[in-house]
Amino acid sequence: MLIAIEGPDGSGKTQLARTLQTAFRASLLTRSGPTRNFNQLSDELTWLSQHPSRLLLICDRIRPISELVYGKVLRGFSMLEEDVAYSWVDHFVSIVIYCRPPLATIQANVEASFPNQMSGVLEHTPQLLEEYDRVMLRYAAQDFATNYYQYDYTSHPLPSLIKAIGDDTTGLIYP
């Protein structure tokens, strides 16, 4: 089972991923930034198709979603059509968590980590968040079986999210 954690830089994805990794004794895979080329995207889609479904893996960002956002905002185009990305996510991801604290929190986190941020993120944080909201709203509206959570660490209690995810992962083999 793959749990994908998505959201813009500075939204708390990595902290949430590490917390869930500990809570569920799961494996953790981190990804950074948008896809640099089509081969990198293709490699990730192939990797997703080969992941054993009975093991629990938490992925801090998955490229089919982040490519839709970062590609469009920072590069001007995405190398992947939205419907194709949503189909891949639906097929290979069991739970999607969209980290979505307020813009001011995200901006403060991005500014605090500058200059370690990828080029363009600091200047385009509002546009990245707006595009994430659009992409994730459209994704959540699909008739997919994937469980979807929106999480704001500044206002939602983490234990309730962990419990809900735990209920969704009953019967899995934890590595």
Protein backbone atom coordinates (compact mmCIF):
# COMPACT_ATOMS: atom_id res chain seq x y z
CA MET A 1 0.00 0.00 0.00
CA LEU A 2 1.33 3.39 -0.97
CA ILE A 3 0.47 6.51 1.02
CA ALA A 4 1.30 9.62 -0.99
CA ILE A 5 1.81 12.91 0.82
CA GLU A 6 1.50 15.93 -1.45
CA GLY A 7 1.60 19.69 -1.10
CA PRO A 8 3.86 22.61 -1.88
CA ASP A 9 7.28 23.07 -0.37
CA GLY A 10 6.93 24.28 3.22
CA SER A 11 3.56 22.61 3.81
CA GLY A 12 4.77 20.01 6.34
CA LYS A 13 4.97 16.96 4.06
CA THR A 14 8.31 15.66 5.30
CA GLN A 15 7.44 16.06 8.98
CA LEU A 16 4.13 14.28 8.45
CA ALA A 17 5.83 11.52 6.44
CA ARG A 18 8.37 10.92 9.22
CA THR A 19 5.62 10.87 11.85
CA LEU A 20 3.59 8.33 9.85
CA GLN A 21 6.71 6.27 9.18
CA THR A 22 7.26 5.96 12.92
CA ALA A 23 3.59 5.41 13.76
CA PHE A 24 3.19 2.57 11.25
CA ARG A 25 6.77 1.25 11.11
CA ALA A 26 6.60 1.87 7.38
CA SER A 27 9.23 2.50 4.75
CA LEU A 28 9.70 6.11 3.67
CA LEU A 29 10.58 7.37 0.21
CA THR A 30 11.22 11.06 -0.38
CA ARG A 31 11.12 12.93 -3.65
CA SER A 32 12.20 16.48 -4.29
CA GLY A 33 10.97 19.00 -6.77
CA PRO A 34 9.38 18.57 -10.14
CA THR A 35 10.39 16.11 -12.80
CA ARG A 36 13.47 17.24 -14.70
CA ASN A 37 12.78 15.20 -17.82
CA PHE A 38 10.35 12.69 -19.24
CA ASN A 39 12.64 9.71 -18.45
CA GLN A 40 12.60 10.60 -14.74
CA LEU A 41 8.80 10.72 -14.80
CA SER A 42 8.61 7.46 -16.73
CA ASP A 43 10.97 5.79 -14.23
CA GLU A 44 8.76 6.83 -11.33
CA LEU A 45 5.61 5.59 -13.04
CA THR A 46 7.33 2.26 -13.71
CA TRP A 47 8.48 2.09 -10.09
CA LEU A 48 4.92 2.74 -8.89
CA SER A 49 3.65 -0.12 -11.04
CA GLN A 50 6.14 -2.54 -9.45
CA HIS A 51 5.53 -1.67 -5.78
CA PRO A 52 4.15 -4.61 -3.76
CA SER A 53 0.64 -3.70 -2.64
CA ARG A 54 0.78 -5.55 0.71
CA LEU A 55 3.69 -3.54 2.10
CA LEU A 56 3.20 -0.07 3.54
CA LEU A 57 5.27 2.64 1.91
CA ILE A 58 4.95 6.34 2.66
CA CYS A 59 6.02 8.59 -0.18
CA ASP A 60 6.88 12.21 0.55
CA ARG A 61 5.68 13.59 -2.79
CA ILE A 62 4.89 11.61 -5.92
CA ARG A 63 5.90 12.98 -9.28
CA PRO A 64 2.65 12.41 -11.20
CA ILE A 65 0.97 15.00 -8.93
CA SER A 66 3.87 17.35 -8.27
CA GLU A 67 4.68 17.44 -11.99
CA LEU A 68 1.20 18.81 -12.70
CA VAL A 69 1.82 21.69 -10.29
CA TYR A 70 5.52 22.49 -10.41
CA GLY A 71 5.83 21.81 -14.13
CA LYS A 72 3.00 24.20 -14.94
CA VAL A 73 4.02 26.98 -12.55
CA LEU A 74 7.82 26.86 -12.80
CA ARG A 75 8.36 25.53 -16.33
CA GLY A 76 5.18 26.77 -17.97
CA PHE A 77 3.90 23.29 -18.89
CA SER A 78 3.48 19.84 -17.42
CA MET A 79 4.97 16.78 -19.09
CA LEU A 80 1.88 14.83 -18.04
CA GLU A 81 -1.81 15.27 -18.79
CA GLU A 82 -3.99 15.61 -15.69
CA ASP A 83 -6.22 12.65 -16.50
CA VAL A 84 -3.18 10.41 -16.98
CA ALA A 85 -1.70 11.55 -13.65
CA TYR A 86 -4.97 10.98 -11.81
CA SER A 87 -5.33 7.55 -13.39
CA TRP A 88 -1.82 6.52 -12.26
CA VAL A 89 -2.45 7.78 -8.76
CA ASP A 90 -5.79 5.99 -8.60
CA HIS A 91 -4.21 2.75 -9.79
CA PHE A 92 -1.10 2.70 -7.57
CA VAL A 93 -1.79 4.92 -4.54
CA SER A 94 -4.11 3.83 -1.74
CA ILE A 95 -4.17 7.03 0.32
CA VAL A 96 -3.45 10.61 -0.74
CA ILE A 97 -2.80 13.24 1.92
CA TYR A 98 -2.74 16.86 0.78
CA CYS A 99 -0.80 18.99 3.28
CA ARG A 100 -2.50 22.36 3.19
CA PRO A 101 -1.67 24.84 5.96
CA PRO A 102 -2.38 28.55 5.40
CA LEU A 103 -0.36 30.41 2.75
CA ALA A 104 1.35 32.58 5.40
CA THR A 105 2.66 29.45 7.15
CA ILE A 106 3.92 27.95 3.89
CA GLN A 107 5.62 31.21 2.89
CA ALA A 108 7.31 31.52 6.29
CA ASN A 109 8.58 27.93 6.04
CA VAL A 110 9.88 28.45 2.49
CA GLU A 111 11.59 31.71 3.48
CA ALA A 112 13.18 30.01 6.51
CA SER A 113 14.66 27.30 4.31
CA PHE A 114 15.90 29.66 1.60
CA PRO A 115 18.43 29.37 -0.16
CA ASN A 116 17.98 25.58 0.02
CA GLN A 117 14.78 25.85 -1.99
CA MET A 118 14.63 24.95 -5.65
CA SER A 119 14.87 27.93 -7.98
CA GLY A 120 11.54 29.71 -8.40
CA VAL A 121 9.76 28.27 -5.36
CA LEU A 122 10.16 31.33 -3.12
CA GLU A 123 8.95 33.74 -5.80
CA HIS A 124 6.05 31.52 -6.86
CA THR A 125 4.76 30.14 -3.56
CA PRO A 126 1.27 31.70 -3.91
CA GLN A 127 0.91 30.40 -7.48
CA LEU A 128 2.15 26.93 -6.46
CA LEU A 129 -0.41 26.79 -3.66
CA GLU A 130 -3.20 28.01 -5.95
CA GLU A 131 -2.31 25.35 -8.53
CA TYR A 132 -2.07 22.64 -5.85
CA ASP A 133 -5.52 23.64 -4.61
CA ARG A 134 -6.90 23.36 -8.15
CA VAL A 135 -5.20 20.03 -8.91
CA MET A 136 -6.08 18.43 -5.57
CA LEU A 137 -9.69 19.68 -5.69
CA ARG A 138 -10.09 18.18 -9.14
CA TYR A 139 -8.42 14.96 -7.98
CA ALA A 140 -10.66 14.70 -4.90
CA ALA A 141 -13.75 15.18 -7.09
CA GLN A 142 -12.93 12.13 -9.23
CA ASP A 143 -14.86 8.92 -8.66
CA PHE A 144 -11.77 7.06 -7.54
CA ALA A 145 -11.44 4.52 -4.76
CA THR A 146 -8.35 6.20 -3.31
CA ASN A 147 -8.85 7.60 0.18
CA TYR A 148 -8.16 11.34 0.24
CA TYR A 149 -7.31 13.51 3.25
CA GLN A 150 -6.57 17.21 3.43
CA TYR A 151 -4.36 18.01 6.41
CA ASP A 152 -3.49 21.36 8.00
CA TYR A 153 -0.99 20.79 10.80
CA THR A 154 -1.74 24.24 12.25
CA SER A 155 -5.36 23.39 13.05
CA HIS A 156 -6.05 19.64 12.81
CA PRO A 157 -5.01 17.14 15.48
CA LEU A 158 -2.48 14.64 14.18
CA PRO A 159 -3.79 11.70 16.27
CA SER A 160 -7.14 11.75 14.44
CA LEU A 161 -5.35 11.60 11.06
CA ILE A 162 -3.16 8.72 12.28
CA LYS A 163 -6.23 6.84 13.51
CA ALA A 164 -8.08 7.32 10.21
CA ILE A 165 -5.06 6.12 8.23
CA GLY A 166 -4.60 3.21 10.63
CA ASP A 167 -8.19 2.17 9.96
CA ASP A 168 -7.46 2.28 6.21
CA THR A 169 -4.32 0.14 6.51
CA THR A 170 -5.69 -2.73 8.64
CA GLY A 171 -4.35 -6.11 7.54
CA LEU A 172 -1.21 -4.88 5.84
CA ILE A 173 2.24 -6.34 6.33
CA TYR A 174 4.46 -3.68 7.85
CA PRO A 175 8.11 -4.02 6.85
